[in-house]
Protein backbone atom coordinates (compact mmCIF):
# COMPACT_ATOMS: atom_id res chain seq x y z
CA LYS A 1 22.34 82.63 38.35
CA ASN A 2 25.18 81.93 40.80
CA PRO A 3 25.31 78.20 41.49
CA LYS A 4 25.70 76.95 45.02
CA PRO A 5 29.00 75.31 46.00
CA ALA A 6 27.44 71.85 46.00
CA GLU A 7 26.22 72.42 42.42
CA ILE A 8 29.70 73.56 41.38
CA VAL A 9 31.27 70.43 42.85
CA ALA A 10 28.71 68.29 41.03
CA LYS A 11 29.49 70.04 37.73
CA LEU A 12 33.23 69.59 38.27
CA ARG A 13 32.68 65.87 38.91
CA GLN A 14 30.53 65.65 35.79
CA ALA A 15 33.34 67.29 33.81
CA ASP A 16 35.84 64.79 35.25
CA VAL A 17 33.61 61.92 34.15
CA LEU A 18 33.25 63.35 30.64
CA ILE A 19 37.00 63.90 30.36
CA SER A 20 37.69 60.37 31.59
CA GLN A 21 35.39 59.11 28.80
CA CYS A 22 37.91 60.54 26.29
CA GLN A 23 36.04 63.77 25.62
CA SER A 24 38.15 66.88 25.24
CA VAL A 25 38.17 69.43 28.03
CA ALA A 26 36.55 71.97 25.70
CA ASP A 27 33.69 69.56 24.94
CA ALA A 28 33.23 68.79 28.65
CA ILE A 29 33.11 72.49 29.46
CA ALA A 30 30.55 73.06 26.71
CA ALA A 31 28.44 70.21 28.09
CA LEU A 32 28.45 71.92 31.50
CA GLY A 33 27.19 75.13 29.94
CA VAL A 34 29.86 77.39 31.46
CA SER A 35 32.77 79.33 30.04
CA SER A 36 36.29 77.98 30.17
CA VAL A 37 37.28 80.83 32.51
CA THR A 38 34.54 79.84 34.93
CA TYR A 39 35.47 76.17 34.74
CA TYR A 40 39.13 76.78 35.50
CA ARG A 41 38.29 79.24 38.30
CA TRP A 42 36.01 76.62 39.87
CA ARG A 43 38.75 74.01 39.54
CA ARG A 44 41.25 76.33 41.19
CA GLU A 45 38.91 77.20 44.06
CA LEU A 46 37.03 73.94 44.62
CA GLY A 47 38.75 71.30 42.49
CA GLY A 48 39.76 68.67 45.03
CA LEU A 49 37.03 69.24 47.57
CA LYS A 50 33.88 67.28 48.29
CA SER A 51 30.58 69.04 48.76
CA ASP A 52 30.67 68.82 52.59
CA GLN A 53 34.20 70.25 52.62
CA VAL A 54 33.07 73.12 50.38
CA ARG A 55 30.16 73.81 52.70
CA ARG A 56 32.52 73.87 55.69
CA MET A 57 34.94 76.20 53.88
CA LYS A 58 32.14 78.62 52.96
CA ASP A 59 30.87 78.56 56.56
CA LEU A 60 34.36 79.41 57.82
CA GLU A 61 34.69 82.25 55.32
CA THR A 62 31.33 83.65 56.44
CA GLU A 63 32.33 83.37 60.10
CA ASN A 64 35.64 85.13 59.41
CA GLN A 65 33.81 87.99 57.73
CA ARG A 66 31.43 88.24 60.68
CA LEU A 67 34.31 88.28 63.16
CA ARG A 68 36.19 90.90 61.18
CA LYS A 69 33.13 93.14 61.15
CA GLY A 70 32.54 92.64 64.87
CA ARG A 71 36.09 93.55 65.78
CA GLY A 72 36.37 96.23 63.17
CA ILE A 73 39.56 94.76 61.74
CA GLY A 74 40.67 96.94 58.92
CA GLY A 75 37.81 99.34 59.52
CA GLU A 76 37.16 102.53 61.41
CA ALA A 77 37.74 100.92 64.80
CA ASP A 78 41.31 100.02 63.86
CA ARG A 79 41.99 103.49 62.52
CA ASP A 80 40.62 105.06 65.69
CA ARG A 81 42.55 102.68 67.93
CA PHE A 82 45.81 103.26 66.08
CA ALA A 83 45.30 107.02 66.02
CA HIS A 84 44.65 107.00 69.76
CA GLY A 85 47.82 104.96 70.30
CA ARG A 86 49.87 107.34 68.18
CA ARG A 87 48.53 110.34 70.09
CA ALA A 88 49.33 108.66 73.40
CA LEU A 89 52.86 107.84 72.27
CA ALA A 90 53.33 111.36 70.99
CA ARG A 91 52.28 112.76 74.37
CA ARG A 92 54.65 110.44 76.20
CA GLY A 93 57.40 111.19 73.70
CA CYS A 94 56.98 114.94 74.17
CA ARG A 95 57.17 114.59 77.96
CA ALA A 96 60.24 112.38 77.69
CA GLN A 97 61.88 114.80 75.29
CA ALA A 98 60.99 117.75 77.48
CA GLY A 99 62.52 115.94 80.46
CA ALA A 100 65.61 115.05 78.46
CA VAL A 101 66.04 118.63 77.30
CA GLY A 102 65.79 119.89 80.88
CA GLU A 103 68.36 117.32 82.00
CA ALA A 104 70.64 118.26 79.12
CA ASP A 105 70.40 121.93 80.08
CA ASP A 106 71.27 121.07 83.68
CA ALA A 107 74.24 118.98 82.56
CA ALA A 108 75.47 121.73 80.24
CA GLY A 109 75.16 124.26 83.04
CA ALA A 110 77.13 122.01 85.40
CA VAL A 111 79.92 121.57 82.82
CA ALA A 112 79.99 125.31 82.21
CA GLU A 113 80.28 126.02 85.95
CA GLU A 114 83.13 123.48 86.33
CA GLY A 115 84.97 125.07 83.42
CA LEU A 116 84.85 128.53 85.04
């Protein structure tokens, strides 16, 4: 049911030929046997490309999906990695704050002793 990219490009070229022969766009779309929505979506996605360029684009999209799955981009691996980073920062932040509080107490004590 779903045509391959090369078939889509061929149908778009056929529509261009029919339109150049003074047929209306609606008649050309009817001759292709697709809806106008499908035709315009195909034109938007694949309009100016040749079949080898479409094949290359689809291969790149497939490779990108494979790489995203392998790295876990946007998946559980990212959530785990970011959660681990937040926990590590929180631990460091608590230590730094604890150290800063201790230093502040020491400084306040020193000021209090000087004032007496």
